[in-house]
Amino acid sequence: MNNSSKPANSAAIKAEIKRHESLQNTINRLSRQLERVPDQQLRSGLKVYLHSIQGEHMARFPVDKGPPGHQWWDP
């Protein structure tokens, strides 16, 4: 990795971290809202759906690899 690409990579990584944290906060808020759904069966189904969305996001960007095309550190 050359020196000129480091600032761009750093900005891209910071933007991805911010996006990930925002998504995680939204998922957490939705999860708390689901506790207010009175119908147990509906609440359970919605939780399963929410967890699948969260799982898809984490599978796309595993913590140890980061977004495609970026390195989290210089080897």
C-alpha atoms as a PDB file:
ATOM      1  CA  MET A   1       0.000   0.000   0.000  1.00  0.00           C
ATOM      2  CA  ASN A   2       1.534   3.315  -0.990  1.00  0.00           C
ATOM      3  CA  ASN A   3       1.387   6.475   1.095  1.00  0.00           C
ATOM      4  CA  SER A   4      -1.080   8.285  -1.174  1.00  0.00           C
ATOM      5  CA  SER A   5      -3.760   5.614  -0.758  1.00  0.00           C
ATOM      6  CA  LYS A   6      -3.530   5.488   3.049  1.00  0.00           C
ATOM      7  CA  PRO A   7      -5.685   8.606   3.690  1.00  0.00           C
ATOM      8  CA  ALA A   8      -8.363   7.355   1.286  1.00  0.00           C
ATOM      9  CA  ASN A   9      -8.352   3.905   2.868  1.00  0.00           C
ATOM     10  CA  SER A  10      -8.460   5.427   6.339  1.00  0.00           C
ATOM     11  CA  ALA A  11     -11.465   7.575   5.398  1.00  0.00           C
ATOM     12  CA  ALA A  12     -13.223   4.591   3.820  1.00  0.00           C
ATOM     13  CA  ILE A  13     -12.636   2.483   6.920  1.00  0.00           C
ATOM     14  CA  LYS A  14     -13.899   5.232   9.223  1.00  0.00           C
ATOM     15  CA  ALA A  15     -17.007   5.656   7.058  1.00  0.00           C
ATOM     16  CA  GLU A  16     -17.678   1.907   7.145  1.00  0.00           C
ATOM     17  CA  ILE A  17     -17.283   1.803  10.922  1.00  0.00           C
ATOM     18  CA  LYS A  18     -19.711   4.708  11.275  1.00  0.00           C
ATOM     19  CA  ARG A  19     -22.219   2.998   8.966  1.00  0.00           C
ATOM     20  CA  HIS A  20     -21.889  -0.276  10.871  1.00  0.00           C
ATOM     21  CA  GLU A  21     -22.408   1.443  14.246  1.00  0.00           C
ATOM     22  CA  SER A  22     -25.437   3.301  12.917  1.00  0.00           C
ATOM     23  CA  LEU A  23     -26.959   0.088  11.605  1.00  0.00           C
ATOM     24  CA  GLN A  24     -26.256  -1.683  14.899  1.00  0.00           C
ATOM     25  CA  ASN A  25     -27.931   1.141  16.861  1.00  0.00           C
ATOM     26  CA  THR A  26     -30.975   0.944  14.596  1.00  0.00           C
ATOM     27  CA  ILE A  27     -31.214  -2.822  15.024  1.00  0.00           C
ATOM     28  CA  ASN A  28     -30.964  -2.410  18.809  1.00  0.00           C
ATOM     29  CA  ARG A  29     -33.760   0.197  18.818  1.00  0.00           C
ATOM     30  CA  LEU A  30     -35.961  -2.052  16.695  1.00  0.00           C
ATOM     31  CA  SER A  31     -35.275  -4.959  19.017  1.00  0.00           C
ATOM     32  CA  ARG A  32     -36.437  -2.897  22.004  1.00  0.00           C
ATOM     33  CA  GLN A  33     -39.555  -1.836  20.101  1.00  0.00           C
ATOM     34  CA  LEU A  34     -40.375  -5.468  19.337  1.00  0.00           C
ATOM     35  CA  GLU A  35     -40.716  -6.098  23.080  1.00  0.00           C
ATOM     36  CA  ARG A  36     -43.825  -3.907  22.951  1.00  0.00           C
ATOM     37  CA  VAL A  37     -45.626  -6.105  20.392  1.00  0.00           C
ATOM     38  CA  PRO A  38     -48.411  -7.795  22.393  1.00  0.00           C
ATOM     39  CA  ASP A  39     -48.864 -10.821  20.106  1.00  0.00           C
ATOM     40  CA  GLN A  40     -46.199 -13.371  21.119  1.00  0.00           C
ATOM     41  CA  GLN A  41     -46.237 -15.207  17.789  1.00  0.00           C
ATOM     42  CA  LEU A  42     -45.903 -11.992  15.772  1.00  0.00           C
ATOM     43  CA  ARG A  43     -43.164 -10.691  18.101  1.00  0.00           C
ATOM     44  CA  SER A  44     -41.230 -13.946  17.762  1.00  0.00           C
ATOM     45  CA  GLY A  45     -41.489 -13.907  13.961  1.00  0.00           C
ATOM     46  CA  LEU A  46     -40.346 -10.295  13.784  1.00  0.00           C
ATOM     47  CA  LYS A  47     -37.359 -11.050  16.024  1.00  0.00           C
ATOM     48  CA  VAL A  48     -36.332 -13.936  13.775  1.00  0.00           C
ATOM     49  CA  TYR A  49     -36.570 -11.639  10.746  1.00  0.00           C
ATOM     50  CA  LEU A  50     -34.546  -8.910  12.491  1.00  0.00           C
ATOM     51  CA  HIS A  51     -31.837 -11.416  13.454  1.00  0.00           C
ATOM     52  CA  SER A  52     -31.639 -12.638   9.857  1.00  0.00           C
ATOM     53  CA  ILE A  53     -31.075  -9.061   8.673  1.00  0.00           C
ATOM     54  CA  GLN A  54     -28.361  -8.611  11.278  1.00  0.00           C
ATOM     55  CA  GLY A  55     -26.772 -11.921  10.276  1.00  0.00           C
ATOM     56  CA  GLU A  56     -26.714 -10.943   6.597  1.00  0.00           C
ATOM     57  CA  HIS A  57     -24.927  -7.706   7.432  1.00  0.00           C
ATOM     58  CA  MET A  58     -22.321  -9.443   9.588  1.00  0.00           C
ATOM     59  CA  ALA A  59     -21.752 -12.152   6.966  1.00  0.00           C
ATOM     60  CA  ARG A  60     -21.138  -9.498   4.336  1.00  0.00           C
ATOM     61  CA  PHE A  61     -18.525  -7.643   6.398  1.00  0.00           C
ATOM     62  CA  PRO A  62     -16.880  -9.955   8.927  1.00  0.00           C
ATOM     63  CA  VAL A  63     -15.106  -8.033  11.661  1.00  0.00           C
ATOM     64  CA  ASP A  64     -11.686  -9.484  10.857  1.00  0.00           C
ATOM     65  CA  LYS A  65     -11.815  -8.692   7.121  1.00  0.00           C
ATOM     66  CA  GLY A  66     -13.614  -5.376   6.656  1.00  0.00           C
ATOM     67  CA  PRO A  67     -15.311  -4.204   3.482  1.00  0.00           C
ATOM     68  CA  PRO A  68     -14.205  -5.643   0.132  1.00  0.00           C
ATOM     69  CA  GLY A  69     -11.101  -4.053  -1.333  1.00  0.00           C
ATOM     70  CA  HIS A  70      -9.793  -2.656   1.949  1.00  0.00           C
ATOM     71  CA  GLN A  71      -7.125  -3.789   4.356  1.00  0.00           C
ATOM     72  CA  TRP A  72      -7.501  -2.998   8.040  1.00  0.00           C
ATOM     73  CA  TRP A  73      -3.759  -2.975   8.563  1.00  0.00           C
ATOM     74  CA  ASP A  74      -0.546  -3.099   6.568  1.00  0.00           C
ATOM     75  CA  PRO A  75       0.797  -6.658   6.425  1.00  0.00           C
END
